[in-house]
């Protein structure tokens, strides 16, 4: 796995984000690890692992902060707050809390930063095997 972003990168990027600064090293490592999983799953191309482009690092920082606040990979299933069942004349009633947050705008921003490095549908690996 390529480490596109490090805790040090996020520390610098998020120096004015009190919530990030207050986290312990293990927690920061977890969020950065999750960000790197997201970036590796994008199968970015044309990137030298020893010289990661700034916009890819920034995307990784945004992902780590997003994971800290809402989670990158999370289930969007609301909690059931009340439920009613009636058998005669069949009546069903269920209420859900609206505790899910929408991070699609943030992910769209991250994907826009990564766009130059995300392969199009026309790109494929060529292995000549010589």
N, C-alpha and C. Protein backbone atom coordinates (compact mmCIF):
# COMPACT_ATOMS: atom_id res chain seq x y z
N UNK A 1 0.85 -1.18 0.00
CA UNK A 1 0.00 0.00 0.00
C UNK A 1 0.89 1.24 0.00
N UNK A 2 0.55 2.18 -0.83
CA UNK A 2 1.28 3.45 -0.89
C UNK A 2 0.73 4.38 0.19
N UNK A 3 1.61 5.01 0.93
CA UNK A 3 1.21 6.03 1.91
C UNK A 3 1.25 7.39 1.24
N UNK A 4 0.11 7.82 0.73
CA UNK A 4 0.01 9.09 0.04
C UNK A 4 0.06 10.27 1.02
N UNK A 5 -0.41 10.05 2.23
CA UNK A 5 -0.49 11.10 3.23
C UNK A 5 -0.02 10.54 4.57
N UNK A 6 0.61 11.39 5.39
CA UNK A 6 1.11 10.99 6.70
C UNK A 6 0.45 11.82 7.79
N UNK A 7 0.61 11.38 9.02
CA UNK A 7 0.10 12.17 10.15
C UNK A 7 0.75 13.54 10.16
N UNK A 8 2.03 13.59 9.84
CA UNK A 8 2.75 14.87 9.79
C UNK A 8 2.13 15.81 8.75
N UNK A 9 1.74 15.25 7.60
CA UNK A 9 1.08 16.06 6.56
C UNK A 9 -0.21 16.67 7.10
N UNK A 10 -1.01 15.84 7.77
CA UNK A 10 -2.31 16.32 8.28
C UNK A 10 -2.09 17.30 9.43
N UNK A 11 -1.08 17.04 10.27
CA UNK A 11 -0.77 17.98 11.36
C UNK A 11 -0.48 19.38 10.79
N UNK A 12 0.28 19.42 9.72
CA UNK A 12 0.61 20.71 9.09
C UNK A 12 -0.62 21.32 8.43
N UNK A 13 -1.36 20.51 7.68
CA UNK A 13 -2.54 20.98 6.96
C UNK A 13 -3.63 21.46 7.91
N UNK A 14 -3.78 20.75 9.02
CA UNK A 14 -4.90 21.02 9.94
C UNK A 14 -4.43 21.69 11.23
N UNK A 15 -3.38 22.49 11.15
CA UNK A 15 -2.83 23.09 12.36
C UNK A 15 -3.82 23.99 13.09
N UNK A 16 -4.83 24.50 12.39
CA UNK A 16 -5.85 25.35 13.04
C UNK A 16 -7.14 24.60 13.34
N UNK A 17 -7.12 23.29 13.18
CA UNK A 17 -8.30 22.47 13.48
C UNK A 17 -8.10 21.85 14.86
N UNK A 18 -8.75 22.46 15.85
CA UNK A 18 -8.55 22.05 17.24
C UNK A 18 -8.90 20.59 17.46
N UNK A 19 -9.94 20.10 16.79
CA UNK A 19 -10.36 18.72 16.98
C UNK A 19 -9.27 17.75 16.54
N UNK A 20 -8.56 18.07 15.47
CA UNK A 20 -7.46 17.21 15.02
C UNK A 20 -6.29 17.30 15.99
N UNK A 21 -5.93 18.50 16.36
CA UNK A 21 -4.77 18.70 17.24
C UNK A 21 -4.94 18.01 18.58
N UNK A 22 -6.18 17.87 19.04
CA UNK A 22 -6.42 17.27 20.35
C UNK A 22 -6.40 15.74 20.32
N UNK A 23 -6.34 15.14 19.16
CA UNK A 23 -6.36 13.67 19.04
C UNK A 23 -5.00 13.08 19.39
N UNK A 24 -5.03 11.86 19.95
CA UNK A 24 -3.77 11.17 20.25
C UNK A 24 -3.21 10.56 18.98
N UNK A 25 -1.97 10.15 19.04
CA UNK A 25 -1.26 9.64 17.86
C UNK A 25 -1.94 8.41 17.27
N UNK A 26 -2.39 7.48 18.11
CA UNK A 26 -3.04 6.28 17.59
C UNK A 26 -4.31 6.61 16.81
N UNK A 27 -5.08 7.56 17.31
CA UNK A 27 -6.31 7.96 16.63
C UNK A 27 -5.98 8.64 15.30
N UNK A 28 -4.99 9.50 15.30
CA UNK A 28 -4.57 10.15 14.06
C UNK A 28 -4.10 9.11 13.05
N UNK A 29 -3.31 8.13 13.53
CA UNK A 29 -2.83 7.06 12.64
C UNK A 29 -3.99 6.32 11.98
N UNK A 30 -5.04 6.05 12.75
CA UNK A 30 -6.21 5.35 12.23
C UNK A 30 -6.87 6.15 11.11
N UNK A 31 -7.05 7.45 11.32
CA UNK A 31 -7.71 8.28 10.31
C UNK A 31 -6.84 8.43 9.06
N UNK A 32 -5.56 8.55 9.23
CA UNK A 32 -4.65 8.64 8.08
C UNK A 32 -4.61 7.31 7.32
N UNK A 33 -4.62 6.21 8.06
CA UNK A 33 -4.66 4.89 7.43
C UNK A 33 -5.91 4.74 6.57
N UNK A 34 -7.05 5.16 7.11
CA UNK A 34 -8.31 5.09 6.36
C UNK A 34 -8.25 5.96 5.11
N UNK A 35 -7.66 7.14 5.23
CA UNK A 35 -7.50 8.02 4.07
C UNK A 35 -6.63 7.35 3.00
N UNK A 36 -5.55 6.71 3.43
CA UNK A 36 -4.67 6.02 2.48
C UNK A 36 -5.36 4.83 1.82
N UNK A 37 -6.22 4.15 2.54
CA UNK A 37 -7.00 3.06 1.93
C UNK A 37 -7.87 3.62 0.82
N UNK A 38 -8.56 4.72 1.10
CA UNK A 38 -9.42 5.36 0.09
C UNK A 38 -8.59 5.71 -1.15
N UNK A 39 -7.44 6.35 -0.93
CA UNK A 39 -6.60 6.77 -2.05
C UNK A 39 -6.06 5.57 -2.83
N UNK A 40 -5.65 4.52 -2.14
CA UNK A 40 -5.16 3.33 -2.83
C UNK A 40 -6.26 2.64 -3.62
N UNK A 41 -7.48 2.67 -3.13
CA UNK A 41 -8.60 2.06 -3.85
C UNK A 41 -8.94 2.83 -5.12
N UNK A 42 -8.51 4.07 -5.22
CA UNK A 42 -8.72 4.86 -6.44
C UNK A 42 -7.76 4.46 -7.56
N UNK A 43 -6.74 3.66 -7.21
CA UNK A 43 -5.76 3.18 -8.20
C UNK A 43 -5.17 4.34 -9.01
N UNK A 44 -4.67 5.33 -8.28
CA UNK A 44 -4.11 6.53 -8.90
C UNK A 44 -2.94 6.17 -9.81
N UNK A 45 -2.81 6.90 -10.91
CA UNK A 45 -1.76 6.64 -11.89
C UNK A 45 -0.84 7.86 -11.99
N UNK A 46 0.33 7.62 -12.55
CA UNK A 46 1.32 8.68 -12.82
C UNK A 46 1.78 9.38 -11.55
N UNK A 47 1.95 8.62 -10.47
CA UNK A 47 2.42 9.20 -9.21
C UNK A 47 3.66 8.45 -8.77
N UNK A 48 4.71 9.21 -8.52
CA UNK A 48 5.94 8.66 -7.96
C UNK A 48 5.74 8.58 -6.44
N UNK A 49 5.81 7.39 -5.87
CA UNK A 49 5.57 7.18 -4.44
C UNK A 49 6.54 7.98 -3.57
N UNK A 50 7.67 8.38 -4.12
CA UNK A 50 8.64 9.18 -3.36
C UNK A 50 8.40 10.68 -3.50
N UNK A 51 7.50 11.06 -4.38
CA UNK A 51 7.22 12.48 -4.63
C UNK A 51 5.72 12.65 -4.92
N UNK A 52 4.92 12.55 -3.86
CA UNK A 52 3.46 12.63 -4.00
C UNK A 52 3.07 14.08 -4.32
N UNK A 53 2.26 14.30 -5.37
CA UNK A 53 1.82 15.66 -5.70
C UNK A 53 1.05 16.31 -4.55
N UNK A 54 1.20 17.63 -4.43
CA UNK A 54 0.55 18.37 -3.34
C UNK A 54 -0.96 18.17 -3.30
N UNK A 55 -1.61 18.15 -4.47
CA UNK A 55 -3.07 18.02 -4.44
C UNK A 55 -3.51 16.63 -3.99
N UNK A 56 -2.69 15.63 -4.18
CA UNK A 56 -3.01 14.29 -3.67
C UNK A 56 -2.83 14.27 -2.15
N UNK A 57 -1.78 14.92 -1.66
CA UNK A 57 -1.57 15.04 -0.21
C UNK A 57 -2.74 15.80 0.41
N UNK A 58 -3.15 16.89 -0.25
CA UNK A 58 -4.28 17.67 0.27
C UNK A 58 -5.55 16.83 0.32
N UNK A 59 -5.78 16.05 -0.73
CA UNK A 59 -6.95 15.16 -0.75
C UNK A 59 -6.87 14.18 0.42
N UNK A 60 -5.69 13.64 0.67
CA UNK A 60 -5.51 12.73 1.79
C UNK A 60 -5.76 13.40 3.13
N UNK A 61 -5.33 14.63 3.26
CA UNK A 61 -5.58 15.39 4.50
C UNK A 61 -7.07 15.61 4.70
N UNK A 62 -7.75 16.00 3.62
CA UNK A 62 -9.20 16.20 3.70
C UNK A 62 -9.90 14.90 4.09
N UNK A 63 -9.45 13.79 3.53
CA UNK A 63 -10.05 12.49 3.85
C UNK A 63 -9.83 12.13 5.33
N UNK A 64 -8.63 12.37 5.83
CA UNK A 64 -8.35 12.06 7.24
C UNK A 64 -9.24 12.89 8.16
N UNK A 65 -9.40 14.17 7.84
CA UNK A 65 -10.27 15.03 8.65
C UNK A 65 -11.73 14.61 8.52
N UNK A 66 -12.13 14.22 7.33
CA UNK A 66 -13.50 13.75 7.12
C UNK A 66 -13.75 12.46 7.91
N UNK A 67 -12.75 11.58 7.90
CA UNK A 67 -12.89 10.34 8.65
C UNK A 67 -13.00 10.62 10.14
N UNK A 68 -12.27 11.63 10.61
CA UNK A 68 -12.31 12.00 12.02
C UNK A 68 -13.70 12.49 12.41
N UNK A 69 -14.33 13.26 11.55
CA UNK A 69 -15.61 13.87 11.93
C UNK A 69 -16.82 12.99 11.61
N UNK A 70 -16.88 12.45 10.42
CA UNK A 70 -18.06 11.69 10.00
C UNK A 70 -17.76 10.25 9.60
N UNK A 71 -16.53 9.98 9.29
CA UNK A 71 -16.17 8.67 8.76
C UNK A 71 -16.29 8.67 7.24
N UNK A 72 -15.32 8.09 6.58
CA UNK A 72 -15.36 7.98 5.12
C UNK A 72 -16.25 6.80 4.75
N UNK A 73 -16.00 5.70 5.40
CA UNK A 73 -16.76 4.47 5.17
C UNK A 73 -17.71 4.30 6.35
N UNK A 74 -18.97 4.56 6.12
CA UNK A 74 -19.94 4.42 7.19
C UNK A 74 -21.28 4.02 6.60
N UNK A 75 -22.08 3.37 7.41
CA UNK A 75 -23.41 2.98 6.97
C UNK A 75 -24.34 4.18 7.11
N UNK A 76 -25.11 4.43 6.10
CA UNK A 76 -26.07 5.53 6.14
C UNK A 76 -27.46 5.01 6.50
N UNK A 77 -27.53 4.29 7.59
CA UNK A 77 -28.82 3.79 8.03
C UNK A 77 -29.22 4.57 9.27
N UNK A 78 -30.36 5.24 9.21
CA UNK A 78 -30.80 6.02 10.36
C UNK A 78 -31.28 5.13 11.49
N UNK A 79 -31.25 5.63 12.70
CA UNK A 79 -31.73 4.91 13.87
C UNK A 79 -33.24 4.98 13.92
N UNK A 80 -33.84 3.89 14.37
CA UNK A 80 -35.29 3.87 14.57
C UNK A 80 -35.57 4.50 15.93
N UNK A 81 -36.39 5.53 15.95
CA UNK A 81 -36.69 6.21 17.22
C UNK A 81 -38.03 5.78 17.80
N UNK A 82 -38.95 5.35 16.95
CA UNK A 82 -40.22 4.83 17.47
C UNK A 82 -40.80 3.85 16.46
N UNK A 83 -41.62 2.96 16.97
CA UNK A 83 -42.20 1.95 16.09
C UNK A 83 -43.57 1.58 16.64
N UNK A 84 -44.56 1.44 15.79
CA UNK A 84 -45.91 1.05 16.20
C UNK A 84 -46.38 -0.09 15.32
N UNK A 85 -47.06 -1.02 15.90
CA UNK A 85 -47.62 -2.13 15.14
C UNK A 85 -49.04 -2.36 15.63
N UNK A 86 -49.97 -2.57 14.73
CA UNK A 86 -51.35 -2.86 15.09
C UNK A 86 -51.80 -4.00 14.19
N UNK A 87 -52.41 -4.99 14.75
CA UNK A 87 -52.78 -6.15 13.95
C UNK A 87 -54.17 -6.01 13.32
N UNK A 88 -55.19 -5.60 14.10
CA UNK A 88 -56.52 -5.39 13.54
C UNK A 88 -56.51 -4.20 12.59
N UNK A 89 -56.96 -4.38 11.38
CA UNK A 89 -56.93 -3.38 10.31
C UNK A 89 -55.51 -2.99 9.91
N UNK A 90 -54.54 -3.75 10.30
CA UNK A 90 -53.13 -3.63 9.92
C UNK A 90 -52.62 -2.19 9.83
N UNK A 91 -51.96 -1.72 10.84
CA UNK A 91 -51.36 -0.38 10.86
C UNK A 91 -49.89 -0.52 11.26
N UNK A 92 -49.01 0.05 10.52
CA UNK A 92 -47.57 0.02 10.80
C UNK A 92 -47.06 1.44 10.79
N UNK A 93 -46.26 1.80 11.76
CA UNK A 93 -45.70 3.14 11.81
C UNK A 93 -44.28 3.04 12.33
N UNK A 94 -43.33 3.64 11.65
CA UNK A 94 -41.93 3.64 12.06
C UNK A 94 -41.38 5.04 11.89
N UNK A 95 -40.61 5.50 12.87
CA UNK A 95 -39.97 6.82 12.79
C UNK A 95 -38.46 6.64 12.85
N UNK A 96 -37.76 7.40 12.04
CA UNK A 96 -36.30 7.33 11.98
C UNK A 96 -35.69 8.67 12.38
N UNK A 97 -34.56 8.58 13.02
CA UNK A 97 -33.83 9.81 13.33
C UNK A 97 -33.06 10.23 12.10
N UNK A 98 -32.78 11.47 11.98
CA UNK A 98 -32.02 11.98 10.86
C UNK A 98 -30.62 12.32 11.34
N UNK A 99 -29.91 11.28 11.83
CA UNK A 99 -28.59 11.52 12.39
C UNK A 99 -27.47 11.21 11.41
N UNK A 100 -27.81 10.97 10.17
CA UNK A 100 -26.76 10.72 9.19
C UNK A 100 -26.31 12.04 8.59
N UNK A 101 -25.04 12.14 8.32
CA UNK A 101 -24.53 13.37 7.70
C UNK A 101 -24.13 13.06 6.27
N UNK A 102 -24.22 14.03 5.43
CA UNK A 102 -23.93 13.85 4.02
C UNK A 102 -22.54 14.42 3.74
N UNK A 103 -21.60 13.53 3.47
CA UNK A 103 -20.25 13.99 3.17
C UNK A 103 -19.97 13.93 1.67
N UNK A 104 -21.02 13.85 0.85
CA UNK A 104 -20.81 13.73 -0.59
C UNK A 104 -20.13 14.97 -1.18
N UNK A 105 -20.42 16.15 -0.65
CA UNK A 105 -19.76 17.36 -1.16
C UNK A 105 -18.26 17.30 -0.89
N UNK A 106 -17.89 16.83 0.29
CA UNK A 106 -16.46 16.70 0.61
C UNK A 106 -15.80 15.65 -0.27
N UNK A 107 -16.48 14.52 -0.48
CA UNK A 107 -15.91 13.50 -1.35
C UNK A 107 -15.81 13.98 -2.79
N UNK A 108 -16.76 14.78 -3.23
CA UNK A 108 -16.68 15.36 -4.58
C UNK A 108 -15.46 16.28 -4.69
N UNK A 109 -15.18 17.04 -3.63
CA UNK A 109 -14.01 17.91 -3.62
C UNK A 109 -12.73 17.07 -3.69
N UNK A 110 -12.68 16.01 -2.89
CA UNK A 110 -11.51 15.12 -2.89
C UNK A 110 -11.33 14.51 -4.28
N UNK A 111 -12.42 14.01 -4.86
CA UNK A 111 -12.31 13.40 -6.19
C UNK A 111 -11.90 14.41 -7.26
N UNK A 112 -12.31 15.67 -7.09
CA UNK A 112 -11.87 16.72 -8.03
C UNK A 112 -10.37 16.94 -7.91
N UNK A 113 -9.84 16.90 -6.69
CA UNK A 113 -8.40 17.04 -6.52
C UNK A 113 -7.65 15.85 -7.15
N UNK A 114 -8.26 14.68 -7.09
CA UNK A 114 -7.61 13.47 -7.58
C UNK A 114 -7.82 13.22 -9.08
N UNK A 115 -8.74 13.95 -9.69
CA UNK A 115 -9.14 13.68 -11.07
C UNK A 115 -7.97 13.49 -12.06
N UNK A 116 -6.92 14.32 -11.99
CA UNK A 116 -5.82 14.11 -12.95
C UNK A 116 -5.10 12.76 -12.77
N UNK A 117 -5.31 12.12 -11.64
CA UNK A 117 -4.59 10.88 -11.33
C UNK A 117 -5.49 9.65 -11.32
N UNK A 118 -6.78 9.84 -11.59
CA UNK A 118 -7.70 8.72 -11.64
C UNK A 118 -7.79 8.26 -13.09
N UNK A 119 -7.53 6.98 -13.33
CA UNK A 119 -7.55 6.50 -14.72
C UNK A 119 -8.96 6.58 -15.31
N UNK A 120 -9.00 6.96 -16.58
CA UNK A 120 -10.30 6.98 -17.28
C UNK A 120 -10.63 5.54 -17.68
N UNK A 121 -11.81 5.34 -18.17
CA UNK A 121 -12.22 4.01 -18.59
C UNK A 121 -11.42 3.47 -19.75
N UNK A 122 -10.66 4.33 -20.43
CA UNK A 122 -9.91 3.91 -21.61
C UNK A 122 -8.48 3.49 -21.28
N UNK A 123 -8.09 3.56 -20.02
CA UNK A 123 -6.72 3.24 -19.64
C UNK A 123 -6.68 1.81 -19.13
N UNK A 124 -5.67 1.07 -19.60
CA UNK A 124 -5.51 -0.29 -19.08
C UNK A 124 -4.03 -0.59 -19.01
N UNK A 125 -3.69 -1.54 -18.14
CA UNK A 125 -2.29 -1.92 -17.96
C UNK A 125 -1.87 -2.84 -19.11
N UNK A 126 -0.69 -2.61 -19.62
CA UNK A 126 -0.16 -3.44 -20.68
C UNK A 126 1.04 -4.19 -20.15
N UNK A 127 0.94 -5.50 -20.11
CA UNK A 127 2.04 -6.33 -19.63
C UNK A 127 2.50 -7.19 -20.77
N UNK A 128 3.67 -6.87 -21.30
CA UNK A 128 4.17 -7.58 -22.48
C UNK A 128 4.80 -8.92 -22.11
N UNK A 129 5.22 -9.07 -20.85
CA UNK A 129 5.74 -10.35 -20.40
C UNK A 129 7.06 -10.78 -21.05
N UNK A 130 7.82 -9.88 -21.56
CA UNK A 130 9.09 -10.24 -22.17
C UNK A 130 10.14 -10.34 -21.12
